[in-house]
Amino acid sequence: MNIVLVALGATIGATARNELTRLSRKIPIDFPWMTLIINVVGSFVLGMLTAKIVNKALLVFLGTGICGGFTTFGTFNYELSQLWFQKRYIVCFLYFCSSYLFGLLGFLLGIII
């Protein structure tokens, strides 16, 4: 049953991420800001779910499924590598640090709220 819950949740999360990323391309900002926002929001929501939900099936669906499908470690690493290969080292470093810092803060804030 868990595999079905994860699959359904991941479908919802990945679809939401894809649509937000697609829409963000219309805004000409030379920084991977949408992936950063998606990962911070996903971390915040996962923190809230971790602290508040006791129903294991619901946590698997919302946390592992939707949040797991919504956030993206692969895209984050791809964007980091592109910044590095473009020799944009400062932006690469800022993106790396801000992603981990704000992701962790979002998760902790989600637990507190």
PDB file of N, CA and C in Angstrom:
ATOM      1  N   MET A   1       0.817  -1.196   0.000  1.00  0.00           N
ATOM      2  CA  MET A   1       0.000   0.000   0.000  1.00  0.00           C
ATOM      3  C   MET A   1       0.866   1.268   0.000  1.00  0.00           C
ATOM      4  N   ASN A   2       2.005   1.226   0.734  1.00  0.00           N
ATOM      5  CA  ASN A   2       2.880   2.401   0.788  1.00  0.00           C
ATOM      6  C   ASN A   2       3.376   2.810  -0.590  1.00  0.00           C
ATOM      7  N   ILE A   3       3.672   1.822  -1.436  1.00  0.00           N
ATOM      8  CA  ILE A   3       4.200   2.146  -2.766  1.00  0.00           C
ATOM      9  C   ILE A   3       3.165   2.908  -3.594  1.00  0.00           C
ATOM     10  N   VAL A   4       1.905   2.582  -3.429  1.00  0.00           N
ATOM     11  CA  VAL A   4       0.832   3.275  -4.148  1.00  0.00           C
ATOM     12  C   VAL A   4       0.712   4.704  -3.631  1.00  0.00           C
ATOM     13  N   LEU A   5       0.787   4.874  -2.327  1.00  0.00           N
ATOM     14  CA  LEU A   5       0.703   6.210  -1.727  1.00  0.00           C
ATOM     15  C   LEU A   5       1.868   7.093  -2.170  1.00  0.00           C
ATOM     16  N   VAL A   6       3.060   6.526  -2.179  1.00  0.00           N
ATOM     17  CA  VAL A   6       4.237   7.287  -2.614  1.00  0.00           C
ATOM     18  C   VAL A   6       4.106   7.642  -4.099  1.00  0.00           C
ATOM     19  N   ALA A   7       3.698   6.690  -4.914  1.00  0.00           N
ATOM     20  CA  ALA A   7       3.578   6.929  -6.357  1.00  0.00           C
ATOM     21  C   ALA A   7       2.542   8.013  -6.668  1.00  0.00           C
ATOM     22  N   LEU A   8       1.392   7.946  -6.010  1.00  0.00           N
ATOM     23  CA  LEU A   8       0.362   8.962  -6.233  1.00  0.00           C
ATOM     24  C   LEU A   8       0.836  10.343  -5.768  1.00  0.00           C
ATOM     25  N   GLY A   9       1.440  10.388  -4.593  1.00  0.00           N
ATOM     26  CA  GLY A   9       1.949  11.650  -4.071  1.00  0.00           C
ATOM     27  C   GLY A   9       3.051  12.226  -4.937  1.00  0.00           C
ATOM     28  N   ALA A  10       3.975  11.371  -5.368  1.00  0.00           N
ATOM     29  CA  ALA A  10       5.091  11.830  -6.203  1.00  0.00           C
ATOM     30  C   ALA A  10       4.593  12.383  -7.534  1.00  0.00           C
ATOM     31  N   THR A  11       3.549  11.781  -8.066  1.00  0.00           N
ATOM     32  CA  THR A  11       2.964  12.283  -9.310  1.00  0.00           C
ATOM     33  C   THR A  11       2.441  13.700  -9.123  1.00  0.00           C
ATOM     34  N   ILE A  12       1.761  13.939  -8.032  1.00  0.00           N
ATOM     35  CA  ILE A  12       1.231  15.275  -7.735  1.00  0.00           C
ATOM     36  C   ILE A  12       2.377  16.262  -7.520  1.00  0.00           C
ATOM     37  N   GLY A  13       3.357  15.882  -6.702  1.00  0.00           N
ATOM     38  CA  GLY A  13       4.472  16.770  -6.394  1.00  0.00           C
ATOM     39  C   GLY A  13       5.320  17.109  -7.606  1.00  0.00           C
ATOM     40  N   ALA A  14       5.636  16.093  -8.416  1.00  0.00           N
ATOM     41  CA  ALA A  14       6.469  16.324  -9.601  1.00  0.00           C
ATOM     42  C   ALA A  14       5.733  17.166 -10.635  1.00  0.00           C
ATOM     43  N   THR A  15       4.441  16.966 -10.763  1.00  0.00           N
ATOM     44  CA  THR A  15       3.651  17.762 -11.701  1.00  0.00           C
ATOM     45  C   THR A  15       3.624  19.226 -11.267  1.00  0.00           C
ATOM     46  N   ALA A  16       3.439  19.460  -9.980  1.00  0.00           N
ATOM     47  CA  ALA A  16       3.440  20.836  -9.454  1.00  0.00           C
ATOM     48  C   ALA A  16       4.798  21.494  -9.685  1.00  0.00           C
ATOM     49  N   ARG A  17       5.870  20.758  -9.412  1.00  0.00           N
ATOM     50  CA  ARG A  17       7.222  21.295  -9.618  1.00  0.00           C
ATOM     51  C   ARG A  17       7.458  21.628 -11.089  1.00  0.00           C
ATOM     52  N   ASN A  18       7.050  20.739 -11.971  1.00  0.00           N
ATOM     53  CA  ASN A  18       7.237  20.956 -13.402  1.00  0.00           C
ATOM     54  C   ASN A  18       6.491  22.214 -13.865  1.00  0.00           C
ATOM     55  N   GLU A  19       5.280  22.394 -13.414  1.00  0.00           N
ATOM     56  CA  GLU A  19       4.498  23.560 -13.833  1.00  0.00           C
ATOM     57  C   GLU A  19       5.098  24.860 -13.289  1.00  0.00           C
ATOM     58  N   LEU A  20       5.536  24.853 -12.042  1.00  0.00           N
ATOM     59  CA  LEU A  20       6.164  26.053 -11.473  1.00  0.00           C
ATOM     60  C   LEU A  20       7.462  26.390 -12.205  1.00  0.00           C
ATOM     61  N   THR A  21       8.245  25.373 -12.512  1.00  0.00           N
ATOM     62  CA  THR A  21       9.504  25.593 -13.232  1.00  0.00           C
ATOM     63  C   THR A  21       9.222  26.137 -14.630  1.00  0.00           C
ATOM     64  N   ARG A  22       8.229  25.578 -15.289  1.00  0.00           N
ATOM     65  CA  ARG A  22       7.856  26.046 -16.620  1.00  0.00           C
ATOM     66  C   ARG A  22       7.414  27.505 -16.577  1.00  0.00           C
ATOM     67  N   LEU A  23       6.585  27.862 -15.620  1.00  0.00           N
ATOM     68  CA  LEU A  23       6.121  29.243 -15.492  1.00  0.00           C
ATOM     69  C   LEU A  23       7.256  30.197 -15.137  1.00  0.00           C
ATOM     70  N   SER A  24       8.215  29.726 -14.350  1.00  0.00           N
ATOM     71  CA  SER A  24       9.313  30.597 -13.911  1.00  0.00           C
ATOM     72  C   SER A  24      10.220  31.000 -15.067  1.00  0.00           C
ATOM     73  N   ARG A  25      10.224  30.236 -16.131  1.00  0.00           N
ATOM     74  CA  ARG A  25      11.079  30.560 -17.284  1.00  0.00           C
ATOM     75  C   ARG A  25      10.632  31.835 -17.988  1.00  0.00           C
ATOM     76  N   LYS A  26       9.420  32.288 -17.689  1.00  0.00           N
ATOM     77  CA  LYS A  26       8.912  33.522 -18.285  1.00  0.00           C
ATOM     78  C   LYS A  26       9.473  34.761 -17.589  1.00  0.00           C
ATOM     79  N   ILE A  27      10.102  34.566 -16.438  1.00  0.00           N
ATOM     80  CA  ILE A  27      10.690  35.671 -15.690  1.00  0.00           C
ATOM     81  C   ILE A  27      12.204  35.624 -15.901  1.00  0.00           C
ATOM     82  N   PRO A  28      12.756  36.615 -16.580  1.00  0.00           N
ATOM     83  CA  PRO A  28      14.183  36.572 -16.938  1.00  0.00           C
ATOM     84  C   PRO A  28      15.121  36.932 -15.782  1.00  0.00           C
ATOM     85  N   ILE A  29      15.311  35.991 -14.870  1.00  0.00           N
ATOM     86  CA  ILE A  29      16.260  36.176 -13.774  1.00  0.00           C
ATOM     87  C   ILE A  29      17.354  35.128 -13.955  1.00  0.00           C
ATOM     88  N   ASP A  30      18.598  35.572 -13.942  1.00  0.00           N
ATOM     89  CA  ASP A  30      19.727  34.684 -14.219  1.00  0.00           C
ATOM     90  C   ASP A  30      20.211  34.007 -12.936  1.00  0.00           C
ATOM     91  N   PHE A  31      19.299  33.303 -12.280  1.00  0.00           N
ATOM     92  CA  PHE A  31      19.587  32.580 -11.044  1.00  0.00           C
ATOM     93  C   PHE A  31      18.531  31.487 -10.931  1.00  0.00           C
ATOM     94  N   PRO A  32      18.889  30.298 -10.484  1.00  0.00           N
ATOM     95  CA  PRO A  32      17.908  29.205 -10.372  1.00  0.00           C
ATOM     96  C   PRO A  32      16.976  29.387  -9.163  1.00  0.00           C
ATOM     97  N   TRP A  33      16.286  30.510  -9.141  1.00  0.00           N
ATOM     98  CA  TRP A  33      15.469  30.884  -7.983  1.00  0.00           C
ATOM     99  C   TRP A  33      14.275  29.963  -7.763  1.00  0.00           C
ATOM    100  N   MET A  34      13.654  29.441  -8.817  1.00  0.00           N
ATOM    101  CA  MET A  34      12.469  28.608  -8.612  1.00  0.00           C
ATOM    102  C   MET A  34      12.831  27.291  -7.931  1.00  0.00           C
ATOM    103  N   THR A  35      13.944  26.678  -8.307  1.00  0.00           N
ATOM    104  CA  THR A  35      14.363  25.448  -7.634  1.00  0.00           C
ATOM    105  C   THR A  35      14.647  25.730  -6.163  1.00  0.00           C
ATOM    106  N   LEU A  36      15.275  26.861  -5.875  1.00  0.00           N
ATOM    107  CA  LEU A  36      15.529  27.243  -4.488  1.00  0.00           C
ATOM    108  C   LEU A  36      14.221  27.391  -3.725  1.00  0.00           C
ATOM    109  N   ILE A  37      13.255  28.100  -4.289  1.00  0.00           N
ATOM    110  CA  ILE A  37      11.967  28.289  -3.623  1.00  0.00           C
ATOM    111  C   ILE A  37      11.252  26.958  -3.424  1.00  0.00           C
ATOM    112  N   ILE A  38      11.237  26.130  -4.462  1.00  0.00           N
ATOM    113  CA  ILE A  38      10.573  24.829  -4.375  1.00  0.00           C
ATOM    114  C   ILE A  38      11.189  23.989  -3.259  1.00  0.00           C
ATOM    115  N   ASN A  39      12.513  23.940  -3.185  1.00  0.00           N
ATOM    116  CA  ASN A  39      13.168  23.120  -2.166  1.00  0.00           C
ATOM    117  C   ASN A  39      12.968  23.675  -0.759  1.00  0.00           C
ATOM    118  N   VAL A  40      12.946  24.994  -0.609  1.00  0.00           N
ATOM    119  CA  VAL A  40      12.718  25.585   0.714  1.00  0.00           C
ATOM    120  C   VAL A  40      11.272  25.355   1.147  1.00  0.00           C
ATOM    121  N   VAL A  41      10.326  25.580   0.259  1.00  0.00           N
ATOM    122  CA  VAL A  41       8.912  25.339   0.590  1.00  0.00           C
ATOM    123  C   VAL A  41       8.694  23.863   0.909  1.00  0.00           C
ATOM    124  N   GLY A  42       9.271  22.988   0.097  1.00  0.00           N
ATOM    125  CA  GLY A  42       9.138  21.548   0.366  1.00  0.00           C
ATOM    126  C   GLY A  42       9.735  21.155   1.704  1.00  0.00           C
ATOM    127  N   SER A  43      10.863  21.746   2.069  1.00  0.00           N
ATOM    128  CA  SER A  43      11.486  21.469   3.370  1.00  0.00           C
ATOM    129  C   SER A  43      10.597  21.956   4.507  1.00  0.00           C
ATOM    130  N   PHE A  44      10.016  23.138   4.342  1.00  0.00           N
ATOM    131  CA  PHE A  44       9.114  23.695   5.348  1.00  0.00           C
ATOM    132  C   PHE A  44       7.899  22.787   5.546  1.00  0.00           C
ATOM    133  N   VAL A  45       7.270  22.400   4.447  1.00  0.00           N
ATOM    134  CA  VAL A  45       6.086  21.537   4.524  1.00  0.00           C
ATOM    135  C   VAL A  45       6.451  20.190   5.135  1.00  0.00           C
ATOM    136  N   LEU A  46       7.592  19.624   4.761  1.00  0.00           N
ATOM    137  CA  LEU A  46       8.020  18.351   5.328  1.00  0.00           C
ATOM    138  C   LEU A  46       8.258  18.474   6.832  1.00  0.00           C
ATOM    139  N   GLY A  47       8.820  19.598   7.257  1.00  0.00           N
ATOM    140  CA  GLY A  47       8.985  19.836   8.698  1.00  0.00           C
ATOM    141  C   GLY A  47       7.648  19.874   9.412  1.00  0.00           C
ATOM    142  N   MET A  48       6.680  20.576   8.824  1.00  0.00           N
ATOM    143  CA  MET A  48       5.341  20.636   9.429  1.00  0.00           C
ATOM    144  C   MET A  48       4.715  19.251   9.505  1.00  0.00           C
ATOM    145  N   LEU A  49       4.817  18.509   8.417  1.00  0.00           N
ATOM    146  CA  LEU A  49       4.225  17.172   8.383  1.00  0.00           C
ATOM    147  C   LEU A  49       4.881  16.252   9.401  1.00  0.00           C
ATOM    148  N   THR A  50       6.192  16.338   9.502  1.00  0.00           N
ATOM    149  CA  THR A  50       6.933  15.492  10.433  1.00  0.00           C
ATOM    150  C   THR A  50       6.505  15.760  11.874  1.00  0.00           C
ATOM    151  N   ALA A  51       6.284  17.023  12.197  1.00  0.00           N
ATOM    152  CA  ALA A  51       5.936  17.394  13.567  1.00  0.00           C
ATOM    153  C   ALA A  51       4.470  17.149  13.899  1.00  0.00           C
ATOM    154  N   LYS A  52       3.601  17.215  12.910  1.00  0.00           N
ATOM    155  CA  LYS A  52       2.158  17.229  13.184  1.00  0.00           C
ATOM    156  C   LYS A  52       1.411  15.946  12.857  1.00  0.00           C
ATOM    157  N   ILE A  53       1.856  15.199  11.871  1.00  0.00           N
ATOM    158  CA  ILE A  53       1.061  14.052  11.401  1.00  0.00           C
ATOM    159  C   ILE A  53       1.499  12.778  12.095  1.00  0.00           C
ATOM    160  N   VAL A  54       0.518  12.115  12.670  1.00  0.00           N
ATOM    161  CA  VAL A  54       0.800  10.844  13.332  1.00  0.00           C
ATOM    162  C   VAL A  54       0.375   9.649  12.483  1.00  0.00           C
ATOM    163  N   ASN A  55      -0.533   9.871  11.562  1.00  0.00           N
ATOM    164  CA  ASN A  55      -0.986   8.809  10.680  1.00  0.00           C
ATOM    165  C   ASN A  55       0.123   8.493   9.681  1.00  0.00           C
ATOM    166  N   LYS A  56       0.693   7.296   9.796  1.00  0.00           N
ATOM    167  CA  LYS A  56       1.846   6.919   8.976  1.00  0.00           C
ATOM    168  C   LYS A  56       1.514   6.924   7.479  1.00  0.00           C
ATOM    169  N   ALA A  57       0.347   6.449   7.101  1.00  0.00           N
ATOM    170  CA  ALA A  57      -0.023   6.405   5.685  1.00  0.00           C
ATOM    171  C   ALA A  57      -0.124   7.825   5.111  1.00  0.00           C
ATOM    172  N   LEU A  58      -0.665   8.741   5.881  1.00  0.00           N
ATOM    173  CA  LEU A  58      -0.776  10.125   5.429  1.00  0.00           C
ATOM    174  C   LEU A  58       0.594  10.772   5.306  1.00  0.00           C
ATOM    175  N   LEU A  59       1.482  10.461   6.237  1.00  0.00           N
ATOM    176  CA  LEU A  59       2.846  10.988   6.180  1.00  0.00           C
ATOM    177  C   LEU A  59       3.595  10.429   4.959  1.00  0.00           C
ATOM    178  N   VAL A  60       3.392   9.162   4.650  1.00  0.00           N
ATOM    179  CA  VAL A  60       4.015   8.558   3.477  1.00  0.00           C
ATOM    180  C   VAL A  60       3.502   9.241   2.198  1.00  0.00           C
ATOM    181  N   PHE A  61       2.190   9.467   2.108  1.00  0.00           N
ATOM    182  CA  PHE A  61       1.603  10.103   0.933  1.00  0.00           C
ATOM    183  C   PHE A  61       2.054  11.559   0.785  1.00  0.00           C
ATOM    184  N   LEU A  62       1.906  12.343   1.857  1.00  0.00           N
ATOM    185  CA  LEU A  62       2.225  13.771   1.791  1.00  0.00           C
ATOM    186  C   LEU A  62       3.729  14.047   1.858  1.00  0.00           C
ATOM    187  N   GLY A  63       4.415  13.365   2.776  1.00  0.00           N
ATOM    188  CA  GLY A  63       5.837  13.630   2.987  1.00  0.00           C
ATOM    189  C   GLY A  63       6.728  12.995   1.934  1.00  0.00           C
ATOM    190  N   THR A  64       6.730  11.679   1.906  1.00  0.00           N
ATOM    191  CA  THR A  64       7.579  10.971   0.956  1.00  0.00           C
ATOM    192  C   THR A  64       7.092  11.173  -0.475  1.00  0.00           C
ATOM    193  N   GLY A  65       5.789  11.096  -0.674  1.00  0.00           N
ATOM    194  CA  GLY A  65       5.224  11.208  -2.011  1.00  0.00           C
ATOM    195  C   GLY A  65       5.236  12.627  -2.554  1.00  0.00           C
ATOM    196  N   ILE A  66       4.360  13.471  -2.017  1.00  0.00           N
ATOM    197  CA  ILE A  66       4.213  14.822  -2.580  1.00  0.00           C
ATOM    198  C   ILE A  66       5.473  15.656  -2.372  1.00  0.00           C
ATOM    199  N   CYS A  67       5.966  15.735  -1.135  1.00  0.00           N
ATOM    200  CA  CYS A  67       7.172  16.553  -0.897  1.00  0.00           C
ATOM    201  C   CYS A  67       8.385  15.980  -1.617  1.00  0.00           C
ATOM    202  N   GLY A  68       8.499  14.669  -1.643  1.00  0.00           N
ATOM    203  CA  GLY A  68       9.616  14.036  -2.352  1.00  0.00           C
ATOM    204  C   GLY A  68       9.558  14.283  -3.848  1.00  0.00           C
ATOM    205  N   GLY A  69       8.357  14.247  -4.417  1.00  0.00           N
ATOM    206  CA  GLY A  69       8.205  14.524  -5.838  1.00  0.00           C
ATOM    207  C   GLY A  69       8.339  16.000  -6.164  1.00  0.00           C
ATOM    208  N   PHE A  70       7.967  16.852  -5.214  1.00  0.00           N
ATOM    209  CA  PHE A  70       7.998  18.299  -5.431  1.00  0.00           C
ATOM    210  C   PHE A  70       9.414  18.857  -5.356  1.00  0.00           C
ATOM    211  N   THR A  71      10.158  18.459  -4.346  1.00  0.00           N
ATOM    212  CA  THR A  71      11.531  18.949  -4.201  1.00  0.00           C
ATOM    213  C   THR A  71      12.440  18.184  -5.143  1.00  0.00           C
ATOM    214  N   THR A  72      13.630  18.715  -5.373  1.00  0.00           N
ATOM    215  CA  THR A  72      14.457  18.096  -6.395  1.00  0.00           C
ATOM    216  C   THR A  72      15.942  18.259  -6.137  1.00  0.00           C
ATOM    217  N   PHE A  73      16.561  17.189  -5.743  1.00  0.00           N
ATOM    218  CA  PHE A  73      18.002  17.196  -5.516  1.00  0.00           C
ATOM    219  C   PHE A  73      18.750  17.114  -6.847  1.00  0.00           C
ATOM    220  N   GLY A  74      18.191  16.395  -7.807  1.00  0.00           N
ATOM    221  CA  GLY A  74      18.837  16.256  -9.107  1.00  0.00           C
ATOM    222  C   GLY A  74      18.935  17.576  -9.856  1.00  0.00           C
ATOM    223  N   THR A  75      17.825  18.312  -9.905  1.00  0.00           N
ATOM    224  CA  THR A  75      17.845  19.614 -10.578  1.00  0.00           C
ATOM    225  C   THR A  75      18.785  20.567  -9.872  1.00  0.00           C
ATOM    226  N   PHE A  76      18.772  20.540  -8.563  1.00  0.00           N
ATOM    227  CA  PHE A  76      19.664  21.384  -7.760  1.00  0.00           C
ATOM    228  C   PHE A  76      21.123  21.119  -8.147  1.00  0.00           C
ATOM    229  N   ASN A  77      21.516  19.862  -8.217  1.00  0.00           N
ATOM    230  CA  ASN A  77      22.898  19.535  -8.568  1.00  0.00           C
ATOM    231  C   ASN A  77      23.224  19.863 -10.023  1.00  0.00           C
ATOM    232  N   TYR A  78      22.272  19.672 -10.900  1.00  0.00           N
ATOM    233  CA  TYR A  78      22.485  20.045 -12.300  1.00  0.00           C
ATOM    234  C   TYR A  78      22.738  21.548 -12.411  1.00  0.00           C
ATOM    235  N   GLU A  79      21.896  22.341 -11.749  1.00  0.00           N
ATOM    236  CA  GLU A  79      22.054  23.797 -11.813  1.00  0.00           C
ATOM    237  C   GLU A  79      23.369  24.244 -11.176  1.00  0.00           C
ATOM    238  N   LEU A  80      23.747  23.605 -10.073  1.00  0.00           N
ATOM    239  CA  LEU A  80      25.049  23.915  -9.465  1.00  0.00           C
ATOM    240  C   LEU A  80      26.189  23.629 -10.436  1.00  0.00           C
ATOM    241  N   SER A  81      26.141  22.480 -11.092  1.00  0.00           N
ATOM    242  CA  SER A  81      27.221  22.128 -12.010  1.00  0.00           C
ATOM    243  C   SER A  81      27.275  23.085 -13.199  1.00  0.00           C
ATOM    244  N   GLN A  82      26.116  23.518 -13.683  1.00  0.00           N
ATOM    245  CA  GLN A  82      26.096  24.472 -14.795  1.00  0.00           C
ATOM    246  C   GLN A  82      26.718  25.804 -14.387  1.00  0.00           C
ATOM    247  N   LEU A  83      26.394  26.278 -13.193  1.00  0.00           N
ATOM    248  CA  LEU A  83      27.002  27.516 -12.699  1.00  0.00           C
ATOM    249  C   LEU A  83      28.518  27.351 -12.581  1.00  0.00           C
ATOM    250  N   TRP A  84      28.959  26.204 -12.112  1.00  0.00           N
ATOM    251  CA  TRP A  84      30.391  25.935 -11.966  1.00  0.00           C
ATOM    252  C   TRP A  84      31.089  25.922 -13.329  1.00  0.00           C
ATOM    253  N   PHE A  85      30.514  25.203 -14.285  1.00  0.00           N
ATOM    254  CA  PHE A  85      31.132  25.113 -15.609  1.00  0.00           C
ATOM    255  C   PHE A  85      31.116  26.445 -16.352  1.00  0.00           C
ATOM    256  N   GLN A  86      30.172  27.297 -16.002  1.00  0.00           N
ATOM    257  CA  GLN A  86      30.135  28.642 -16.596  1.00  0.00           C
ATOM    258  C   GLN A  86      31.078  29.601 -15.863  1.00  0.00           C
ATOM    259  N   LYS A  87      31.809  29.042 -14.900  1.00  0.00           N
ATOM    260  CA  LYS A  87      32.770  29.809 -14.095  1.00  0.00           C
ATOM    261  C   LYS A  87      32.097  30.934 -13.305  1.00  0.00           C
ATOM    262  N   ARG A  88      30.870  30.689 -12.906  1.00  0.00           N
ATOM    263  CA  ARG A  88      30.123  31.642 -12.077  1.00  0.00           C
ATOM    264  C   ARG A  88      30.223  31.154 -10.628  1.00  0.00           C
ATOM    265  N   TYR A  89      31.425  31.144 -10.129  1.00  0.00           N
ATOM    266  CA  TYR A  89      31.733  30.520  -8.842  1.00  0.00           C
ATOM    267  C   TYR A  89      31.015  31.180  -7.669  1.00  0.00           C
ATOM    268  N   ILE A  90      30.908  32.489  -7.670  1.00  0.00           N
ATOM    269  CA  ILE A  90      30.257  33.189  -6.548  1.00  0.00           C
ATOM    270  C   ILE A  90      28.771  32.852  -6.517  1.00  0.00           C
ATOM    271  N   VAL A  91      28.117  32.896  -7.678  1.00  0.00           N
ATOM    272  CA  VAL A  91      26.696  32.551  -7.745  1.00  0.00           C
ATOM    273  C   VAL A  91      26.501  31.086  -7.363  1.00  0.00           C
ATOM    274  N   CYS A  92      27.389  30.220  -7.813  1.00  0.00           N
ATOM    275  CA  CYS A  92      27.335  28.801  -7.479  1.00  0.00           C
ATOM    276  C   CYS A  92      27.422  28.603  -5.964  1.00  0.00           C
ATOM    277  N   PHE A  93      28.374  29.277  -5.344  1.00  0.00           N
ATOM    278  CA  PHE A  93      28.552  29.176  -3.896  1.00  0.00           C
ATOM    279  C   PHE A  93      27.329  29.730  -3.152  1.00  0.00           C
ATOM    280  N   LEU A  94      26.813  30.870  -3.608  1.00  0.00           N
ATOM    281  CA  LEU A  94      25.632  31.469  -2.961  1.00  0.00           C
ATOM    282  C   LEU A  94      24.417  30.558  -3.094  1.00  0.00           C
ATOM    283  N   TYR A  95      24.239  29.963  -4.251  1.00  0.00           N
ATOM    284  CA  TYR A  95      23.123  29.047  -4.478  1.00  0.00           C
ATOM    285  C   TYR A  95      23.249  27.813  -3.590  1.00  0.00           C
ATOM    286  N   PHE A  96      24.430  27.258  -3.530  1.00  0.00           N
ATOM    287  CA  PHE A  96      24.688  26.091  -2.683  1.00  0.00           C
ATOM    288  C   PHE A  96      24.371  26.405  -1.222  1.00  0.00           C
ATOM    289  N   CYS A  97      24.959  27.478  -0.710  1.00  0.00           N
ATOM    290  CA  CYS A  97      24.785  27.835   0.709  1.00  0.00           C
ATOM    291  C   CYS A  97      23.345  28.210   1.024  1.00  0.00           C
ATOM    292  N   SER A  98      22.730  29.021   0.161  1.00  0.00           N
ATOM    293  CA  SER A  98      21.360  29.453   0.435  1.00  0.00           C
ATOM    294  C   SER A  98      20.389  28.279   0.373  1.00  0.00           C
ATOM    295  N   SER A  99      20.617  27.330  -0.524  1.00  0.00           N
ATOM    296  CA  SER A  99      19.729  26.169  -0.626  1.00  0.00           C
ATOM    297  C   SER A  99      19.764  25.336   0.650  1.00  0.00           C
ATOM    298  N   TYR A 100      20.957  25.051   1.136  1.00  0.00           N
ATOM    299  CA  TYR A 100      21.049  24.240   2.356  1.00  0.00           C
ATOM    300  C   TYR A 100      20.624  25.014   3.594  1.00  0.00           C
ATOM    301  N   LEU A 101      21.043  26.256   3.699  1.00  0.00           N
ATOM    302  CA  LEU A 101      20.684  27.062   4.866  1.00  0.00           C
ATOM    303  C   LEU A 101      19.182  27.276   4.939  1.00  0.00           C
ATOM    304  N   PHE A 102      18.579  27.774   3.845  1.00  0.00           N
ATOM    305  CA  PHE A 102      17.147  28.051   3.867  1.00  0.00           C
ATOM    306  C   PHE A 102      16.317  26.781   3.888  1.00  0.00           C
ATOM    307  N   GLY A 103      16.812  25.707   3.292  1.00  0.00           N
ATOM    308  CA  GLY A 103      16.115  24.428   3.369  1.00  0.00           C
ATOM    309  C   GLY A 103      16.047  23.918   4.798  1.00  0.00           C
ATOM    310  N   LEU A 104      17.171  23.987   5.502  1.00  0.00           N
ATOM    311  CA  LEU A 104      17.201  23.560   6.906  1.00  0.00           C
ATOM    312  C   LEU A 104      16.344  24.472   7.776  1.00  0.00           C
ATOM    313  N   LEU A 105      16.456  25.781   7.566  1.00  0.00           N
ATOM    314  CA  LEU A 105      15.633  26.721   8.333  1.00  0.00           C
ATOM    315  C   LEU A 105      14.151  26.512   8.056  1.00  0.00           C
ATOM    316  N   GLY A 106      13.798  26.263   6.784  1.00  0.00           N
ATOM    317  CA  GLY A 106      12.405  25.986   6.448  1.00  0.00           C
ATOM    318  C   GLY A 106      11.892  24.740   7.151  1.00  0.00           C
ATOM    319  N   PHE A 107      12.696  23.693   7.179  1.00  0.00           N
ATOM    320  CA  PHE A 107      12.309  22.459   7.859  1.00  0.00           C
ATOM    321  C   PHE A 107      12.099  22.706   9.355  1.00  0.00           C
ATOM    322  N   LEU A 108      13.056  23.405   9.981  1.00  0.00           N
ATOM    323  CA  LEU A 108      12.938  23.689  11.415  1.00  0.00           C
ATOM    324  C   LEU A 108      11.743  24.587  11.715  1.00  0.00           C
ATOM    325  N   LEU A 109      11.506  25.577  10.871  1.00  0.00           N
ATOM    326  CA  LEU A 109      10.359  26.452  11.050  1.00  0.00           C
ATOM    327  C   LEU A 109       9.061  25.657  10.921  1.00  0.00           C
ATOM    328  N   GLY A 110       9.033  24.725   9.974  1.00  0.00           N
ATOM    329  CA  GLY A 110       7.871  23.869   9.811  1.00  0.00           C
ATOM    330  C   GLY A 110       7.597  23.023  11.045  1.00  0.00           C
ATOM    331  N   ILE A 111       8.635  22.561  11.715  1.00  0.00           N
ATOM    332  CA  ILE A 111       8.455  21.774  12.937  1.00  0.00           C
ATOM    333  C   ILE A 111       7.921  22.657  14.057  1.00  0.00           C
ATOM    334  N   ILE A 112       8.416  23.880  14.142  1.00  0.00           N
ATOM    335  CA  ILE A 112       8.023  24.797  15.226  1.00  0.00           C
ATOM    336  C   ILE A 112       6.581  25.263  15.088  1.00  0.00           C
ATOM    337  N   ILE A 113       6.159  25.534  13.849  1.00  0.00           N
ATOM    338  CA  ILE A 113       4.816  26.093  13.624  1.00  0.00           C
ATOM    339  C   ILE A 113       3.729  25.068  13.835  1.00  0.00           C
TER     340      ILE A 113
END
